[in-house]
Amino acid sequence: MRTVLVTGATGFVGSHVARALAARGATVRALVRPTSPRENLRDVRHVAVCGDLLDPDSLREAVSGCDCVYHVAADYRLWCRDPAAMYRANVDGTRAILLAAHQAGVPRVVYTSTVGALGIPRGGGPGTEATPVALSDMVGHYKRSKFLAEREAERLARDERVPVVIVNPSTPVGEADIKPTPTGRIIVDFLNGRMPAFVDTGLNLVDVRDVALGHLLAAERGQPGERYILAGVDATLQEILGWLGEIAGRPAPRRRIPFTLAYAAGVVDTFVEGTLLRREPRVPLEGVRMAAKRMFFDGSRARRELGFAPRPVRGALERAVAWFGANGYVPAGLGAPLDPERAERKVK
């Protein structure tokens, strides 16, 4: 029986990775802090190992005897009071866990990056693993920190022979988005009637369960030092809100606001809420700036080389709506899931 370590196992993607591994009979160690909420692991067979990415002694103990390490943990926020803390977690923490795994002789590590660290073609087409990109293309501290962390993983694979495979999920959706993530917050705001309009932007959505399976495929079939986009379906924000409206039985916004107006709202809200009141803005400027480009991606390499086969994303959106309702983020019972066959036909 394989022994694996999952960092970030109490979070959204990490809990799904842990669940998928446990379902396949692996002995799952979850690296947790003493204060970490563990609701997402309630129904997952695991061994909790207390530690911190910036505590080398705890990492050495956590990785000892492991057959694989899945480094999923990340500080994912579009606004933070102390950006340096985000770089410590995302860059320094990634370096620390990869080196600890390598020094312990762990034969395979899977590092969870993000499509946010990849390039977008200037012509507007979907990005690939090979699209040129530079640090100057990164918008905000989260993307910059993940870009730097991915470069560090590549360096360690090249120079230190660390057997790390990189996966770049697009925008996962589904149940157990406990924080929630910025994308989950869009769903929650829409369901709570706080999204009267939309901007002209787009995302690539992927079922979080498929993202978890993509991690397992990367461990089995991925090449060290290489990266693989775990993508689903490209969709505009207007289309996504339309799908949510159908699921929840409420009208989707029809009014599109100019980017300049959204940008102005982000500037004001970030200044008042973030700078003056020192609390998270509802409209973080970093999020508005990200929306200036459609984040569309081509996941054909992962499909071809890993056997990644994402399902239609409609089911994931339905599960997200149901989960947010059942857990108090939105009014309970808001929108019963539609028939699965209808979902298959609606969203490809």
Protein backbone atom coordinates (compact mmCIF):
# COMPACT_ATOMS: atom_id res chain seq x y z
CA MET A 1 0.00 0.00 0.00
CA ARG A 2 1.38 3.41 -0.99
CA THR A 3 1.98 6.13 1.58
CA VAL A 4 1.45 9.68 0.31
CA LEU A 5 1.60 13.16 1.79
CA VAL A 6 -0.86 15.87 0.75
CA THR A 7 -0.19 19.48 1.70
CA GLY A 8 -3.24 21.73 1.65
CA ALA A 9 -5.45 18.69 2.30
CA THR A 10 -7.93 20.73 4.34
CA GLY A 11 -8.56 23.08 1.42
CA PHE A 12 -10.65 22.90 -1.73
CA VAL A 13 -8.45 21.09 -4.26
CA GLY A 14 -6.28 19.37 -1.64
CA SER A 15 -9.23 17.67 0.06
CA HIS A 16 -10.36 16.25 -3.27
CA VAL A 17 -6.84 14.98 -3.98
CA ALA A 18 -6.76 13.34 -0.54
CA ARG A 19 -10.20 11.80 -1.08
CA ALA A 20 -9.24 10.39 -4.49
CA LEU A 21 -6.06 8.86 -3.06
CA ALA A 22 -7.84 7.33 -0.08
CA ALA A 23 -10.47 5.84 -2.40
CA ARG A 24 -7.65 4.03 -4.21
CA GLY A 25 -6.31 2.50 -1.02
CA ALA A 26 -3.40 4.86 -0.34
CA THR A 27 -2.34 5.70 3.19
CA VAL A 28 -2.90 9.45 3.18
CA ARG A 29 -0.93 11.78 5.42
CA ALA A 30 -2.35 15.28 5.61
CA LEU A 31 0.03 18.09 6.56
CA VAL A 32 -2.03 20.37 8.81
CA ARG A 33 -1.48 23.20 11.20
CA PRO A 34 -2.91 22.88 14.72
CA THR A 35 -5.46 25.60 13.87
CA SER A 36 -6.44 24.24 10.44
CA PRO A 37 -10.19 23.62 10.02
CA ARG A 38 -10.65 19.96 9.10
CA GLU A 39 -14.27 19.80 7.95
CA ASN A 40 -13.18 18.87 4.42
CA LEU A 41 -11.42 15.76 5.71
CA ARG A 42 -14.25 14.55 7.91
CA ASP A 43 -15.13 11.68 5.57
CA VAL A 44 -11.59 11.01 4.30
CA ARG A 45 -9.45 8.25 5.81
CA HIS A 46 -6.18 10.00 6.67
CA VAL A 47 -3.43 10.53 9.23
CA ALA A 48 -3.03 14.14 10.32
CA VAL A 49 0.60 15.27 10.57
CA CYS A 50 1.04 18.64 12.26
CA GLY A 51 3.57 20.84 10.53
CA ASP A 52 4.24 23.95 8.52
CA LEU A 53 5.83 24.54 5.13
CA LEU A 54 8.34 26.88 6.75
CA ASP A 55 9.30 24.44 9.52
CA PRO A 56 12.00 22.11 8.08
CA ASP A 57 11.88 19.66 10.99
CA SER A 58 8.14 19.10 10.58
CA LEU A 59 8.57 18.58 6.83
CA ARG A 60 11.30 15.97 7.28
CA GLU A 61 9.01 13.99 9.55
CA ALA A 62 6.01 14.40 7.24
CA VAL A 63 7.74 13.15 4.07
CA SER A 64 9.66 10.29 5.68
CA GLY A 65 8.72 6.98 4.11
CA CYS A 66 6.40 8.49 1.50
CA ASP A 67 6.06 7.13 -2.02
CA CYS A 68 4.71 10.43 -3.35
CA VAL A 69 4.15 13.98 -2.14
CA TYR A 70 1.33 16.11 -3.51
CA HIS A 71 2.12 19.74 -2.77
CA VAL A 72 -1.27 21.39 -3.17
CA ALA A 73 -1.09 24.03 -0.42
CA ALA A 74 -1.00 27.68 -1.45
CA ASP A 75 -1.96 31.09 -0.16
CA TYR A 76 -4.68 31.95 -2.70
CA ARG A 77 -6.06 35.45 -2.18
CA LEU A 78 -6.55 38.43 -4.44
CA TRP A 79 -5.83 40.82 -1.57
CA CYS A 80 -3.71 40.48 1.55
CA ARG A 81 -2.41 42.85 4.21
CA ASP A 82 1.11 41.42 4.06
CA PRO A 83 2.15 40.34 0.55
CA ALA A 84 5.49 39.10 1.91
CA ALA A 85 3.61 36.34 3.77
CA MET A 86 2.17 35.13 0.48
CA TYR A 87 5.63 34.88 -1.09
CA ARG A 88 6.93 33.01 1.96
CA ALA A 89 4.11 30.48 1.74
CA ASN A 90 4.01 30.06 -2.03
CA VAL A 91 7.67 30.39 -3.00
CA ASP A 92 9.72 29.55 0.09
CA GLY A 93 7.24 26.89 1.17
CA THR A 94 7.36 25.21 -2.23
CA ARG A 95 11.15 25.15 -2.22
CA ALA A 96 11.17 23.72 1.32
CA ILE A 97 8.76 20.85 0.69
CA LEU A 98 10.38 19.88 -2.62
CA LEU A 99 13.84 19.77 -1.06
CA ALA A 100 12.57 17.85 1.97
CA ALA A 101 10.95 15.26 -0.28
CA HIS A 102 14.09 14.96 -2.41
CA GLN A 103 16.39 14.59 0.58
CA ALA A 104 14.10 11.87 1.96
CA GLY A 105 14.29 9.97 -1.33
CA VAL A 106 10.63 10.39 -2.27
CA PRO A 107 10.46 9.06 -5.84
CA ARG A 108 7.76 11.44 -7.13
CA VAL A 109 6.38 14.87 -6.23
CA VAL A 110 3.39 16.56 -7.85
CA TYR A 111 3.33 20.35 -7.50
CA THR A 112 0.04 22.20 -7.93
CA SER A 113 0.65 25.42 -9.82
CA THR A 114 -2.05 27.37 -11.69
CA VAL A 115 -2.85 28.50 -15.22
CA GLY A 116 -2.46 31.98 -13.76
CA ALA A 117 1.31 31.41 -13.98
CA LEU A 118 1.11 30.68 -17.72
CA GLY A 119 1.01 32.94 -20.73
CA ILE A 120 -1.96 34.12 -22.79
CA PRO A 121 -1.34 34.63 -26.54
CA ARG A 122 -1.54 38.26 -27.57
CA GLY A 123 -3.93 37.32 -30.34
CA GLY A 124 -6.45 36.09 -27.80
CA GLY A 125 -6.25 32.33 -28.40
CA PRO A 126 -6.02 29.73 -25.65
CA GLY A 127 -2.78 29.48 -23.71
CA THR A 128 -0.68 26.34 -23.67
CA GLU A 129 2.26 25.06 -21.62
CA ALA A 130 4.57 26.57 -24.27
CA THR A 131 3.04 30.06 -24.54
CA PRO A 132 5.79 32.61 -23.81
CA VAL A 133 5.40 34.35 -20.45
CA ALA A 134 7.44 36.53 -18.11
CA LEU A 135 7.15 37.78 -14.55
CA SER A 136 6.12 41.17 -15.91
CA ASP A 137 2.99 39.53 -17.37
CA MET A 138 1.78 38.48 -13.91
CA VAL A 139 -1.01 40.57 -12.39
CA GLY A 140 -0.88 40.85 -8.61
CA HIS A 141 0.99 39.13 -5.83
CA TYR A 142 -0.78 35.78 -6.07
CA LYS A 143 0.11 35.23 -9.71
CA ARG A 144 3.63 36.56 -9.24
CA SER A 145 4.24 34.29 -6.26
CA LYS A 146 2.94 31.24 -8.12
CA PHE A 147 5.00 32.13 -11.19
CA LEU A 148 8.14 32.33 -9.05
CA ALA A 149 7.25 29.08 -7.27
CA GLU A 150 6.83 27.29 -10.59
CA ARG A 151 10.19 28.57 -11.80
CA GLU A 152 11.72 27.26 -8.57
CA ALA A 153 10.16 23.84 -9.13
CA GLU A 154 11.55 23.77 -12.66
CA ARG A 155 15.00 24.80 -11.40
CA LEU A 156 15.03 22.09 -8.75
CA ALA A 157 13.97 19.48 -11.32
CA ARG A 158 16.72 20.62 -13.70
CA ASP A 159 19.61 21.34 -11.33
CA GLU A 160 18.91 19.10 -8.33
CA ARG A 161 17.10 16.27 -10.13
CA VAL A 162 14.05 16.63 -7.91
CA PRO A 163 11.43 14.32 -9.49
CA VAL A 164 8.67 16.95 -9.54
CA VAL A 165 5.82 17.05 -12.04
CA ILE A 166 3.88 20.32 -12.33
CA VAL A 167 0.14 20.54 -12.91
CA ASN A 168 -1.61 23.78 -13.81
CA PRO A 169 -5.34 23.54 -13.02
CA SER A 170 -7.54 26.12 -14.70
CA THR A 171 -10.52 27.20 -12.56
CA PRO A 172 -11.81 24.35 -10.39
CA VAL A 173 -15.46 24.36 -9.35
CA GLY A 174 -17.45 21.96 -7.21
CA GLU A 175 -18.25 21.11 -3.61
CA ALA A 176 -16.12 21.77 -0.51
CA ASP A 177 -14.89 25.23 -1.62
CA ILE A 178 -14.64 26.09 2.03
CA LYS A 179 -13.02 29.56 2.04
CA PRO A 180 -14.43 30.06 -0.69
CA THR A 181 -11.94 30.69 -3.51
CA PRO A 182 -12.39 33.85 -5.61
CA THR A 183 -14.29 31.77 -8.18
CA GLY A 184 -16.46 30.24 -5.47
CA ARG A 185 -17.16 33.74 -4.23
CA ILE A 186 -18.54 34.63 -7.66
CA ILE A 187 -20.99 31.73 -7.33
CA VAL A 188 -21.93 32.74 -3.78
CA ASP A 189 -22.41 36.40 -4.72
CA PHE A 190 -24.60 35.46 -7.67
CA LEU A 191 -26.74 33.13 -5.57
CA ASN A 192 -27.12 35.81 -2.90
CA GLY A 193 -28.24 38.38 -5.49
CA ARG A 194 -25.08 40.49 -5.21
CA MET A 195 -24.11 40.38 -8.87
CA PRO A 196 -26.45 42.67 -10.83
CA ALA A 197 -24.04 42.99 -13.78
CA PHE A 198 -20.96 41.37 -15.30
CA VAL A 199 -17.78 42.32 -17.14
CA ASP A 200 -16.74 40.92 -20.50
CA THR A 201 -14.27 38.28 -19.42
CA GLY A 202 -13.92 34.52 -19.51
CA LEU A 203 -12.52 31.54 -17.64
CA ASN A 204 -11.74 27.91 -18.24
CA LEU A 205 -13.82 25.88 -15.79
CA VAL A 206 -12.96 22.33 -14.72
CA ASP A 207 -14.60 19.94 -12.28
CA VAL A 208 -12.55 19.85 -9.07
CA ARG A 209 -12.95 16.06 -8.95
CA ASP A 210 -11.27 15.85 -12.35
CA VAL A 211 -8.48 18.12 -11.13
CA ALA A 212 -7.87 15.64 -8.31
CA LEU A 213 -7.74 12.74 -10.77
CA GLY A 214 -5.35 14.79 -12.91
CA HIS A 215 -2.95 14.95 -9.97
CA LEU A 216 -2.98 11.17 -9.69
CA LEU A 217 -2.39 10.81 -13.43
CA ALA A 218 0.52 13.25 -13.23
CA ALA A 219 2.11 11.13 -10.51
CA GLU A 220 1.72 7.99 -12.61
CA ARG A 221 2.49 9.25 -16.12
CA GLY A 222 3.95 12.75 -15.95
CA GLN A 223 7.55 13.56 -16.79
CA PRO A 224 9.66 15.28 -14.10
CA GLY A 225 10.29 18.94 -14.87
CA GLU A 226 7.29 19.14 -17.21
CA ARG A 227 3.95 20.87 -16.68
CA TYR A 228 0.45 19.88 -17.70
CA ILE A 229 -2.64 22.08 -17.95
CA LEU A 230 -5.69 20.50 -16.30
CA ALA A 231 -8.39 22.32 -18.25
CA GLY A 232 -12.09 21.81 -18.88
CA VAL A 233 -14.30 24.16 -20.88
CA ASP A 234 -13.74 27.78 -21.91
CA ALA A 235 -16.71 30.02 -21.09
CA THR A 236 -17.45 33.71 -20.80
CA LEU A 237 -18.57 35.04 -17.43
CA GLN A 238 -21.97 35.75 -18.98
CA GLU A 239 -22.30 32.10 -19.98
CA ILE A 240 -21.25 30.90 -16.53
CA LEU A 241 -23.81 33.12 -14.83
CA GLY A 242 -26.43 31.85 -17.26
CA TRP A 243 -25.68 28.24 -16.29
CA LEU A 244 -25.86 29.15 -12.60
CA GLY A 245 -29.18 30.88 -13.21
CA GLU A 246 -30.60 27.73 -14.78
CA ILE A 247 -29.36 25.56 -11.90
CA ALA A 248 -30.57 27.89 -9.16
CA GLY A 249 -33.80 28.93 -10.86
CA ARG A 250 -33.07 32.63 -10.79
CA PRO A 251 -32.42 35.19 -13.53
CA ALA A 252 -28.86 35.83 -14.59
CA PRO A 253 -27.71 39.45 -14.95
CA ARG A 254 -28.03 40.83 -18.47
CA ARG A 255 -26.26 44.15 -17.98
CA ARG A 256 -22.61 44.30 -18.97
CA ILE A 257 -20.55 47.02 -17.35
CA PRO A 258 -17.53 48.59 -19.07
CA PHE A 259 -14.13 47.49 -17.81
CA THR A 260 -13.27 51.11 -16.98
CA LEU A 261 -16.21 51.30 -14.57
CA ALA A 262 -15.26 47.99 -12.95
CA TYR A 263 -11.67 49.21 -12.64
CA ALA A 264 -12.78 52.43 -10.96
CA ALA A 265 -14.90 50.44 -8.51
CA GLY A 266 -11.89 48.23 -7.75
CA VAL A 267 -9.66 51.24 -7.11
CA VAL A 268 -12.15 52.83 -4.72
CA ASP A 269 -13.09 49.64 -2.88
CA THR A 270 -9.49 48.50 -2.49
CA PHE A 271 -8.46 51.89 -1.17
CA VAL A 272 -11.35 52.27 1.28
CA GLU A 273 -11.68 48.66 2.45
CA GLY A 274 -8.10 47.50 2.03
CA THR A 275 -5.96 50.56 2.71
CA LEU A 276 -8.09 52.52 5.15
CA LEU A 277 -10.11 49.84 6.93
CA ARG A 278 -7.52 47.04 6.55
CA ARG A 279 -10.04 44.40 5.57
CA GLU A 280 -10.63 42.38 2.41
CA PRO A 281 -12.33 44.40 -0.35
CA ARG A 282 -15.47 43.03 -2.00
CA VAL A 283 -14.09 44.23 -5.34
CA PRO A 284 -10.30 43.75 -5.11
CA LEU A 285 -8.44 45.68 -7.77
CA GLU A 286 -6.24 42.67 -8.47
CA GLY A 287 -9.30 40.64 -9.44
CA VAL A 288 -10.56 43.37 -11.75
CA ARG A 289 -7.18 43.61 -13.46
CA MET A 290 -7.16 39.85 -13.99
CA ALA A 291 -10.54 40.12 -15.70
CA ALA A 292 -9.01 42.30 -18.43
CA LYS A 293 -7.98 39.10 -20.25
CA ARG A 294 -9.99 35.99 -21.01
CA MET A 295 -8.27 33.10 -19.26
CA PHE A 296 -8.83 30.44 -21.92
CA PHE A 297 -6.50 27.42 -22.08
CA ASP A 298 -5.74 24.38 -24.16
CA GLY A 299 -5.53 21.19 -22.09
CA SER A 300 -4.75 18.85 -24.98
CA ARG A 301 -1.28 17.91 -23.70
CA ALA A 302 -2.65 16.51 -20.44
CA ARG A 303 -5.34 14.65 -22.36
CA ARG A 304 -2.82 13.21 -24.76
CA GLU A 305 0.06 12.37 -22.41
CA LEU A 306 -1.67 11.76 -19.09
CA GLY A 307 -5.01 10.42 -20.26
CA PHE A 308 -6.81 13.33 -18.56
CA ALA A 309 -10.49 13.21 -19.52
CA PRO A 310 -12.55 15.96 -17.85
CA ARG A 311 -16.31 15.53 -17.77
CA PRO A 312 -18.84 18.28 -18.59
CA VAL A 313 -18.61 20.98 -15.94
CA ARG A 314 -22.35 21.35 -15.37
CA GLY A 315 -22.38 18.67 -12.69
CA ALA A 316 -19.63 20.47 -10.77
CA LEU A 317 -21.61 23.73 -10.83
CA GLU A 318 -24.68 21.89 -9.56
CA ARG A 319 -22.68 20.35 -6.72
CA ALA A 320 -21.22 23.75 -5.87
CA VAL A 321 -24.68 25.35 -5.66
CA ALA A 322 -25.98 22.49 -3.52
CA TRP A 323 -22.93 22.54 -1.22
CA PHE A 324 -22.98 26.29 -0.67
CA GLY A 325 -26.68 26.05 0.14
CA ALA A 326 -26.25 23.14 2.53
CA ASN A 327 -23.39 24.86 4.36
CA GLY A 328 -24.95 28.25 4.98
CA TYR A 329 -23.21 30.36 2.34
CA VAL A 330 -26.49 30.91 0.48
CA PRO A 331 -30.17 30.23 1.28
CA ALA A 332 -30.64 26.48 1.81
CA GLY A 333 -32.35 24.57 -0.98
CA LEU A 334 -31.56 27.22 -3.57
CA GLY A 335 -31.88 25.45 -6.93
CA ALA A 336 -32.32 21.72 -7.14
CA PRO A 337 -29.78 19.98 -9.40
CA LEU A 338 -31.07 19.28 -12.89
CA ASP A 339 -31.29 15.85 -14.47
CA PRO A 340 -27.73 14.62 -15.30
CA GLU A 341 -28.65 13.85 -18.93
CA ARG A 342 -29.87 17.42 -19.39
CA ALA A 343 -26.65 18.68 -17.85
CA GLU A 344 -24.60 16.62 -20.31
CA ARG A 345 -26.47 18.18 -23.22
CA LYS A 346 -26.31 21.72 -21.84
CA VAL A 347 -22.60 22.11 -21.15
CA LYS A 348 -19.89 20.37 -23.16
